[in-house]
Amino acid sequence: MSENSAAVSASPNNEQRRNKLFLALAGVVGSVALASTAYWYLYASHFVSTDNAYAAAEIAQVTPSIGGTISEVHVIDTQAVKKGDILVVIDPTDARLALAQAEAALGSAIRRVKGYVANDGGLAAQIAARSADEKRAAAQLTSAEADFQRAKVDLQRREALSTSGAVSGDELTRAQNSFASAQASLVAAQAAMAQTKANRNVAIGSKEVNAALIANATEETNPEVALARARRDQAAVDLQRTVVRAPIDGVVAKRQVQLGQRVAAGTPLLTVVPMKQMHVDANFKEVQLENVRVGQPVTLSADIYGSSVSYRGTVEGFSAGSGAAFAAIPAQNATGNWIKVVQRVPVRIKLDPEELAAKPLRVGLSMAVKIDTRVRN
């Protein structure tokens, strides 16, 4: 009987102990929930993160400006280069010949223009000579007209006297011959006058044509010389372009050019990746971007170094559309069966150059990104 009494008295005590434990556990759970809620609203809710992010860079694709045969290749993949370093050399033989031809054409154009200038004075002298010829012909025409009139009057007088026998037939014949000769001389003088006028007009026209070739221009600015000089300069530039140089500092990648290869202008030869100017493209869900602004601070880590190495960055901009919109085959949502899919929008993040120099990244490496949205610009 005493054992039963002890069991009965112990049962309420155990129940009380369990109740206290449950209350304590509920208190702990409540405290944790309250602390978690406070942490979320006061701190964690101000951050958005994603691991759908990758290192990227504005790579420079190297292409030749002229065609030709590759005679030298100075770089290999993974090689670091500085801006201006020689990457590839195109055989310059054709370019040198083209430059020599252009220089010869320029010299010929300069001499031709000098000839125009010299001809201008000669043509002016020709006009003066033709004017003198015209005056002489005019005087000869006046003399011929006077002789003609005199011969005409003499013939008329002798013809009038011949009927009365006062003039012999021989004298009348001479008068007729003199009239015919004077008439022929007049016609010749008139033709000579017309010819001298035509010669003078030809000389004037030649001078006007020559003047148009040199008008409002010096020997240096003459269009023919300017065109020949431009072609010479273009040939000189093409010769310089046979040496292909690095456009930026970086690392050589995707080298496709080989020695002896025949390439055309614009053929991709290789790319140069600017390792010190890399950024990160982070693909955030559209529902995460409500409070994200340009200039907000970002903390990043790269899988290649692990979470122990972090980078500092800032939000630099947003893509103009989602990744699906710019896909090679965009999704067509105007269909009968439609399922809403949360879209991702690429966010460009600028990295600290000093941190990049200390811990270099490579294009395409996976990154983890966390943006602090508490900063509002």
Protein backbone atom coordinates (compact mmCIF):
# COMPACT_ATOMS: atom_id res chain seq x y z
CA MET A 1 0.00 0.00 0.00
CA SER A 2 2.86 2.36 0.67
CA GLU A 3 4.40 1.65 -2.76
CA ASN A 4 1.19 2.58 -4.55
CA SER A 5 0.94 5.78 -2.59
CA ALA A 6 4.53 6.70 -3.55
CA ALA A 7 3.84 6.03 -7.28
CA VAL A 8 0.72 8.18 -7.18
CA SER A 9 2.58 11.02 -5.52
CA ALA A 10 5.50 10.78 -8.03
CA SER A 11 3.23 10.96 -11.08
CA PRO A 12 2.12 14.57 -10.56
CA ASN A 13 5.72 15.58 -10.01
CA ASN A 14 6.81 14.06 -13.33
CA GLU A 15 3.95 15.70 -15.12
CA GLN A 16 4.88 19.06 -13.61
CA ARG A 17 8.50 18.52 -14.69
CA ARG A 18 7.43 17.74 -18.27
CA ASN A 19 5.20 20.77 -18.37
CA LYS A 20 8.10 22.94 -17.25
CA LEU A 21 10.35 21.41 -19.91
CA PHE A 22 7.72 21.99 -22.58
CA LEU A 23 7.30 25.56 -21.42
CA ALA A 24 11.06 26.08 -21.48
CA LEU A 25 11.29 24.55 -24.97
CA ALA A 26 8.41 26.71 -26.15
CA GLY A 27 10.17 29.73 -24.70
CA VAL A 28 13.39 28.84 -26.47
CA VAL A 29 11.58 28.24 -29.76
CA GLY A 30 9.68 31.49 -29.35
CA SER A 31 12.87 33.36 -28.55
CA VAL A 32 14.63 31.86 -31.55
CA ALA A 33 11.66 32.67 -33.77
CA LEU A 34 11.50 36.20 -32.39
CA ALA A 35 15.24 36.65 -32.82
CA SER A 36 15.07 35.21 -36.34
CA THR A 37 12.20 37.49 -37.22
CA ALA A 38 14.01 40.50 -35.80
CA TYR A 39 17.20 39.51 -37.63
CA TRP A 40 15.28 39.15 -40.87
CA TYR A 41 13.44 42.46 -40.67
CA LEU A 42 16.29 44.48 -39.21
CA TYR A 43 19.20 43.03 -41.22
CA ALA A 44 18.80 40.06 -43.55
CA SER A 45 15.84 41.51 -45.47
CA HIS A 46 18.11 44.34 -46.64
CA PHE A 47 20.31 41.96 -48.61
CA VAL A 48 19.66 40.03 -51.83
CA SER A 49 21.96 37.32 -53.03
CA THR A 50 22.45 34.81 -55.81
CA ASP A 51 25.00 32.27 -56.93
CA ASN A 52 23.85 32.57 -60.55
CA ALA A 53 26.69 34.96 -61.32
CA TYR A 54 29.78 34.78 -63.48
CA ALA A 55 32.94 36.80 -64.07
CA ALA A 56 32.96 38.62 -67.41
CA ALA A 57 35.01 41.15 -69.35
CA GLU A 58 34.73 43.41 -72.38
CA ILE A 59 37.11 41.36 -74.50
CA ALA A 60 38.88 42.84 -77.52
CA GLN A 61 38.64 40.81 -80.70
CA VAL A 62 41.72 41.37 -82.86
CA THR A 63 41.06 41.48 -86.61
CA PRO A 64 43.27 42.82 -89.44
CA SER A 65 42.29 45.98 -91.31
CA ILE A 66 43.86 44.66 -94.54
CA GLY A 67 44.20 41.26 -96.16
CA GLY A 68 47.41 39.36 -96.75
CA THR A 69 49.57 36.39 -95.79
CA ILE A 70 50.62 35.97 -92.16
CA SER A 71 54.41 36.15 -91.98
CA GLU A 72 54.90 36.33 -88.18
CA VAL A 73 52.92 35.31 -85.09
CA HIS A 74 54.38 36.62 -81.83
CA VAL A 75 51.94 35.33 -79.20
CA ILE A 76 50.30 32.16 -77.92
CA ASP A 77 47.21 31.50 -75.85
CA THR A 78 47.46 32.52 -72.16
CA GLN A 79 50.29 34.98 -72.91
CA ALA A 80 50.06 38.36 -71.18
CA VAL A 81 50.46 41.37 -73.48
CA LYS A 82 50.62 45.14 -73.08
CA LYS A 83 48.82 47.67 -75.23
CA GLY A 84 50.88 48.23 -78.39
CA ASP A 85 52.72 44.90 -78.29
CA ILE A 86 53.13 43.25 -81.71
CA LEU A 87 50.78 40.28 -82.03
CA VAL A 88 50.84 39.36 -85.73
CA VAL A 89 52.68 40.61 -88.83
CA ILE A 90 51.16 40.43 -92.32
CA ASP A 91 53.59 40.17 -95.26
CA PRO A 92 54.17 43.85 -96.18
CA THR A 93 55.36 43.31 -99.79
CA ASP A 94 52.05 44.20 -101.44
CA ALA A 95 51.55 47.19 -99.15
CA ARG A 96 55.04 48.54 -99.93
CA LEU A 97 54.41 48.27 -103.68
CA ALA A 98 51.05 50.01 -103.31
CA LEU A 99 52.74 52.81 -101.36
CA ALA A 100 55.43 53.22 -104.06
CA GLN A 101 52.73 53.45 -106.75
CA ALA A 102 50.78 55.99 -104.73
CA GLU A 103 53.89 58.13 -104.18
CA ALA A 104 54.62 58.03 -107.93
CA ALA A 105 51.03 59.06 -108.69
CA LEU A 106 51.34 61.95 -106.23
CA GLY A 107 54.53 63.16 -107.93
CA SER A 108 52.84 62.96 -111.32
CA ALA A 109 49.85 64.94 -110.05
CA ILE A 110 52.11 67.67 -108.64
CA ARG A 111 53.95 67.99 -111.96
CA ARG A 112 50.67 68.05 -113.86
CA VAL A 113 49.34 70.89 -111.69
CA LYS A 114 52.58 72.80 -112.11
CA GLY A 115 52.05 72.42 -115.85
CA TYR A 116 48.57 73.93 -115.49
CA VAL A 117 50.03 76.96 -113.73
CA ALA A 118 52.76 77.36 -116.35
CA ASN A 119 50.24 76.98 -119.20
CA ASP A 120 48.14 79.79 -117.77
CA GLY A 121 50.77 82.36 -118.71
CA GLY A 122 51.36 80.78 -122.11
CA LEU A 123 47.66 80.77 -122.89
CA ALA A 124 47.39 84.44 -121.90
CA ALA A 125 50.21 85.20 -124.37
CA GLN A 126 48.38 83.22 -127.04
CA ILE A 127 45.26 85.31 -126.48
CA ALA A 128 47.33 88.48 -126.87
CA ALA A 129 48.87 87.15 -130.10
CA ARG A 130 45.45 86.18 -131.46
CA SER A 131 44.14 89.65 -130.59
CA ALA A 132 47.03 91.19 -132.56
CA ASP A 133 46.26 88.86 -135.48
CA GLU A 134 42.66 89.97 -135.32
CA LYS A 135 43.63 93.63 -135.46
CA ARG A 136 45.95 92.99 -138.42
CA ALA A 137 43.23 91.06 -140.20
CA ALA A 138 40.79 93.90 -139.50
CA ALA A 139 43.24 96.38 -141.06
CA GLN A 140 43.74 94.10 -144.06
CA LEU A 141 39.98 93.77 -144.40
CA THR A 142 39.57 97.54 -144.36
CA SER A 143 42.28 97.87 -147.01
CA ALA A 144 40.68 95.14 -149.12
CA GLU A 145 37.27 96.81 -148.84
CA ALA A 146 38.80 100.14 -149.98
CA ASP A 147 40.55 98.50 -152.93
CA PHE A 148 37.32 96.74 -153.83
CA GLN A 149 35.33 99.98 -153.76
CA ARG A 150 37.96 101.77 -155.85
CA ALA A 151 38.11 98.91 -158.38
CA LYS A 152 34.31 98.88 -158.53
CA VAL A 153 34.10 102.62 -159.19
CA ASP A 154 36.83 102.43 -161.86
CA LEU A 155 35.04 99.59 -163.60
CA GLN A 156 31.71 101.44 -163.52
CA ARG A 157 33.32 104.57 -165.02
CA ARG A 158 35.06 102.68 -167.81
CA GLU A 159 31.93 100.67 -168.58
CA ALA A 160 30.04 104.01 -168.92
CA LEU A 161 32.69 105.46 -171.26
CA SER A 162 33.17 102.32 -173.29
CA THR A 163 29.90 102.89 -175.16
CA SER A 164 31.15 106.22 -176.47
CA GLY A 165 34.52 104.82 -177.49
CA ALA A 166 36.40 107.06 -174.99
CA VAL A 167 37.90 103.94 -173.32
CA SER A 168 39.61 101.23 -175.25
CA GLY A 169 38.68 97.60 -174.83
CA ASP A 170 42.07 96.82 -173.40
CA GLU A 171 41.64 99.40 -170.66
CA LEU A 172 38.18 98.09 -169.89
CA THR A 173 39.57 94.58 -169.57
CA ARG A 174 42.22 95.74 -167.13
CA ALA A 175 39.55 97.48 -165.06
CA GLN A 176 37.47 94.32 -165.00
CA ASN A 177 40.52 92.29 -163.94
CA SER A 178 41.35 94.79 -161.21
CA PHE A 179 37.76 94.56 -159.91
CA ALA A 180 37.86 90.77 -159.86
CA SER A 181 41.20 90.81 -158.06
CA ALA A 182 39.97 93.33 -155.48
CA GLN A 183 36.81 91.27 -154.95
CA ALA A 184 38.90 88.12 -154.36
CA SER A 185 41.18 89.98 -151.98
CA LEU A 186 38.12 91.21 -150.06
CA VAL A 187 36.76 87.67 -149.70
CA ALA A 188 40.19 86.44 -148.55
CA ALA A 189 40.44 89.30 -146.02
CA GLN A 190 36.95 88.50 -144.70
CA ALA A 191 37.90 84.81 -144.30
CA ALA A 192 41.16 85.77 -142.58
CA MET A 193 39.19 88.01 -140.22
CA ALA A 194 36.80 85.19 -139.35
CA GLN A 195 39.71 82.81 -138.79
CA THR A 196 41.55 85.20 -136.47
CA LYS A 197 38.34 85.68 -134.44
CA ALA A 198 37.91 81.91 -134.18
CA ASN A 199 41.56 81.47 -133.17
CA ARG A 200 41.18 84.11 -130.47
CA ASN A 201 38.01 82.43 -129.12
CA VAL A 202 39.82 79.07 -129.04
CA ALA A 203 42.68 80.63 -127.08
CA ILE A 204 40.23 82.21 -124.64
CA GLY A 205 38.42 78.88 -124.19
CA SER A 206 41.70 77.03 -123.57
CA LYS A 207 42.68 79.59 -120.94
CA GLU A 208 39.27 79.31 -119.22
CA VAL A 209 39.59 75.52 -119.12
CA ASN A 210 43.08 75.77 -117.71
CA ALA A 211 41.96 78.42 -115.22
CA ALA A 212 39.16 76.13 -113.98
CA LEU A 213 41.79 73.48 -113.16
CA ILE A 214 43.73 75.84 -110.91
CA ALA A 215 40.98 78.21 -109.69
CA ASN A 216 40.76 78.90 -105.92
CA ALA A 217 43.52 76.42 -105.15
CA THR A 218 47.25 76.38 -104.64
CA GLU A 219 49.55 73.64 -105.80
CA GLU A 220 49.09 71.95 -102.41
CA THR A 221 45.31 72.25 -102.26
CA ASN A 222 44.57 71.40 -105.89
CA PRO A 223 41.98 68.56 -106.01
CA GLU A 224 44.16 66.33 -108.19
CA VAL A 225 47.09 66.68 -105.79
CA ALA A 226 44.84 66.29 -102.74
CA LEU A 227 43.35 63.08 -104.14
CA ALA A 228 46.77 61.65 -104.97
CA ARG A 229 48.06 62.62 -101.53
CA ALA A 230 45.07 60.95 -99.82
CA ARG A 231 45.74 57.75 -101.75
CA ARG A 232 49.40 57.95 -100.77
CA ASP A 233 48.43 58.43 -97.10
CA GLN A 234 46.00 55.51 -97.30
CA ALA A 235 48.74 53.31 -98.75
CA ALA A 236 51.06 54.39 -95.91
CA VAL A 237 48.39 53.54 -93.34
CA ASP A 238 47.82 50.14 -94.96
CA LEU A 239 51.57 49.48 -94.70
CA GLN A 240 51.47 50.32 -90.99
CA ARG A 241 48.48 48.03 -90.56
CA THR A 242 50.51 45.03 -91.68
CA VAL A 243 51.75 45.04 -88.06
CA VAL A 244 48.81 44.06 -85.82
CA ARG A 245 49.25 45.31 -82.24
CA ALA A 246 47.45 44.64 -78.96
CA PRO A 247 44.63 47.18 -78.48
CA ILE A 248 44.60 46.80 -74.67
CA ASP A 249 46.48 45.20 -71.80
CA GLY A 250 45.35 41.64 -71.17
CA VAL A 251 45.82 37.95 -71.83
CA VAL A 252 45.68 36.31 -75.25
CA ALA A 253 42.83 33.83 -75.77
CA LYS A 254 41.21 31.97 -78.67
CA ARG A 255 44.20 32.36 -80.98
CA GLN A 256 43.10 31.11 -84.38
CA VAL A 257 45.76 32.58 -86.66
CA GLN A 258 48.58 30.42 -88.01
CA LEU A 259 51.82 31.22 -89.79
CA GLY A 260 51.38 31.35 -93.58
CA GLN A 261 47.61 31.68 -93.36
CA ARG A 262 45.93 33.92 -95.94
CA VAL A 263 43.52 36.25 -94.18
CA ALA A 264 41.06 38.88 -95.34
CA ALA A 265 40.25 42.16 -93.66
CA GLY A 266 38.04 41.48 -90.63
CA THR A 267 39.09 37.83 -90.16
CA PRO A 268 39.16 37.01 -86.39
CA LEU A 269 42.75 36.31 -85.38
CA LEU A 270 42.58 36.15 -81.57
CA THR A 271 41.08 37.90 -78.58
CA VAL A 272 42.65 39.85 -75.73
CA VAL A 273 40.97 39.61 -72.32
CA PRO A 274 41.54 42.64 -70.03
CA MET A 275 42.15 40.85 -66.74
CA LYS A 276 42.30 44.11 -64.75
CA GLN A 277 38.97 45.39 -66.07
CA MET A 278 36.70 42.47 -65.29
CA HIS A 279 33.18 42.71 -63.91
CA VAL A 280 30.51 40.28 -62.75
CA ASP A 281 27.17 39.59 -64.40
CA ALA A 282 24.79 38.50 -61.64
CA ASN A 283 21.44 37.05 -62.76
CA PHE A 284 18.93 38.01 -60.08
CA LYS A 285 15.29 36.95 -60.02
CA GLU A 286 12.98 39.78 -60.96
CA VAL A 287 11.32 39.64 -57.52
CA GLN A 288 14.68 40.37 -55.87
CA LEU A 289 15.31 43.67 -57.64
CA GLU A 290 12.66 45.89 -56.04
CA ASN A 291 15.16 47.70 -53.80
CA VAL A 292 18.34 47.24 -55.84
CA ARG A 293 19.84 50.52 -57.08
CA VAL A 294 22.93 51.57 -59.01
CA GLY A 295 25.84 52.35 -56.69
CA GLN A 296 24.86 49.96 -53.87
CA PRO A 297 27.76 48.01 -52.28
CA VAL A 298 28.21 44.35 -53.14
CA THR A 299 30.12 41.52 -51.48
CA LEU A 300 31.31 38.73 -53.76
CA SER A 301 33.19 35.46 -53.54
CA ALA A 302 34.56 33.20 -56.26
CA ASP A 303 34.32 29.42 -56.25
CA ILE A 304 37.93 29.23 -57.39
CA TYR A 305 39.14 30.80 -54.12
CA GLY A 306 36.32 29.73 -51.81
CA SER A 307 34.37 31.79 -49.30
CA SER A 308 37.55 32.78 -47.42
CA VAL A 309 38.37 35.31 -50.18
CA SER A 310 35.87 38.07 -50.78
CA TYR A 311 35.67 40.95 -53.23
CA ARG A 312 34.09 44.34 -52.88
CA GLY A 313 32.04 45.79 -55.69
CA THR A 314 29.25 48.18 -56.60
CA VAL A 315 26.13 47.82 -58.71
CA GLU A 316 26.99 49.44 -62.05
CA GLY A 317 23.85 48.88 -64.09
CA PHE A 318 21.00 46.64 -65.19
CA SER A 319 20.47 44.82 -68.45
CA ALA A 320 17.83 46.24 -70.78
CA GLY A 321 15.97 42.92 -70.71
CA SER A 322 15.84 39.51 -69.13
CA GLY A 323 18.05 36.68 -70.23
CA ALA A 324 15.09 34.95 -71.89
CA ALA A 325 14.32 38.06 -73.96
CA PHE A 326 17.84 38.15 -75.40
CA ALA A 327 18.17 34.41 -75.93
CA ALA A 328 18.96 33.09 -79.40
CA ILE A 329 15.45 31.62 -79.49
CA PRO A 330 13.30 33.83 -77.20
CA ALA A 331 10.46 32.16 -75.34
CA GLN A 332 7.08 32.67 -77.00
CA ASN A 333 4.64 33.25 -74.16
CA ALA A 334 1.61 33.95 -76.37
CA THR A 335 0.59 30.30 -76.51
CA GLY A 336 -2.44 28.41 -75.33
CA ASN A 337 -0.60 26.50 -72.59
CA TRP A 338 1.30 29.00 -70.47
CA ILE A 339 3.19 28.56 -67.22
CA LYS A 340 4.62 31.62 -65.53
CA VAL A 341 8.36 31.37 -64.97
CA VAL A 342 10.18 33.85 -62.78
CA GLN A 343 12.63 35.70 -65.03
CA ARG A 344 16.20 36.63 -64.23
CA VAL A 345 17.68 40.03 -65.06
CA PRO A 346 21.47 40.43 -65.47
CA VAL A 347 22.96 43.00 -63.08
CA ARG A 348 26.43 44.33 -63.87
CA ILE A 349 28.73 44.65 -60.87
CA LYS A 350 31.97 46.60 -60.92
CA LEU A 351 34.91 45.08 -59.05
CA ASP A 352 37.76 46.72 -57.13
CA PRO A 353 40.85 46.81 -59.44
CA GLU A 354 43.27 46.37 -56.52
CA GLU A 355 41.49 43.25 -55.31
CA LEU A 356 41.43 41.93 -58.88
CA ALA A 357 45.19 42.45 -59.15
CA ALA A 358 45.72 40.54 -55.89
CA LYS A 359 43.32 37.73 -56.73
CA PRO A 360 42.83 37.57 -60.53
CA LEU A 361 39.67 36.11 -62.01
CA ARG A 362 39.03 34.43 -65.34
CA VAL A 363 36.09 34.94 -67.68
CA GLY A 364 33.22 32.61 -66.87
CA LEU A 365 34.18 31.75 -63.28
CA SER A 366 31.26 31.16 -60.91
CA MET A 367 30.63 33.87 -58.32
CA ALA A 368 28.39 34.33 -55.27
CA VAL A 369 26.92 37.82 -54.96
CA LYS A 370 25.23 39.66 -52.09
CA ILE A 371 23.92 43.21 -52.50
CA ASP A 372 23.34 45.55 -49.56
CA THR A 373 20.09 47.36 -50.40
CA ARG A 374 20.19 49.62 -47.33
CA VAL A 375 22.09 52.22 -49.35
CA ARG A 376 19.64 54.30 -51.41
CA ASN A 377 21.07 56.86 -53.82
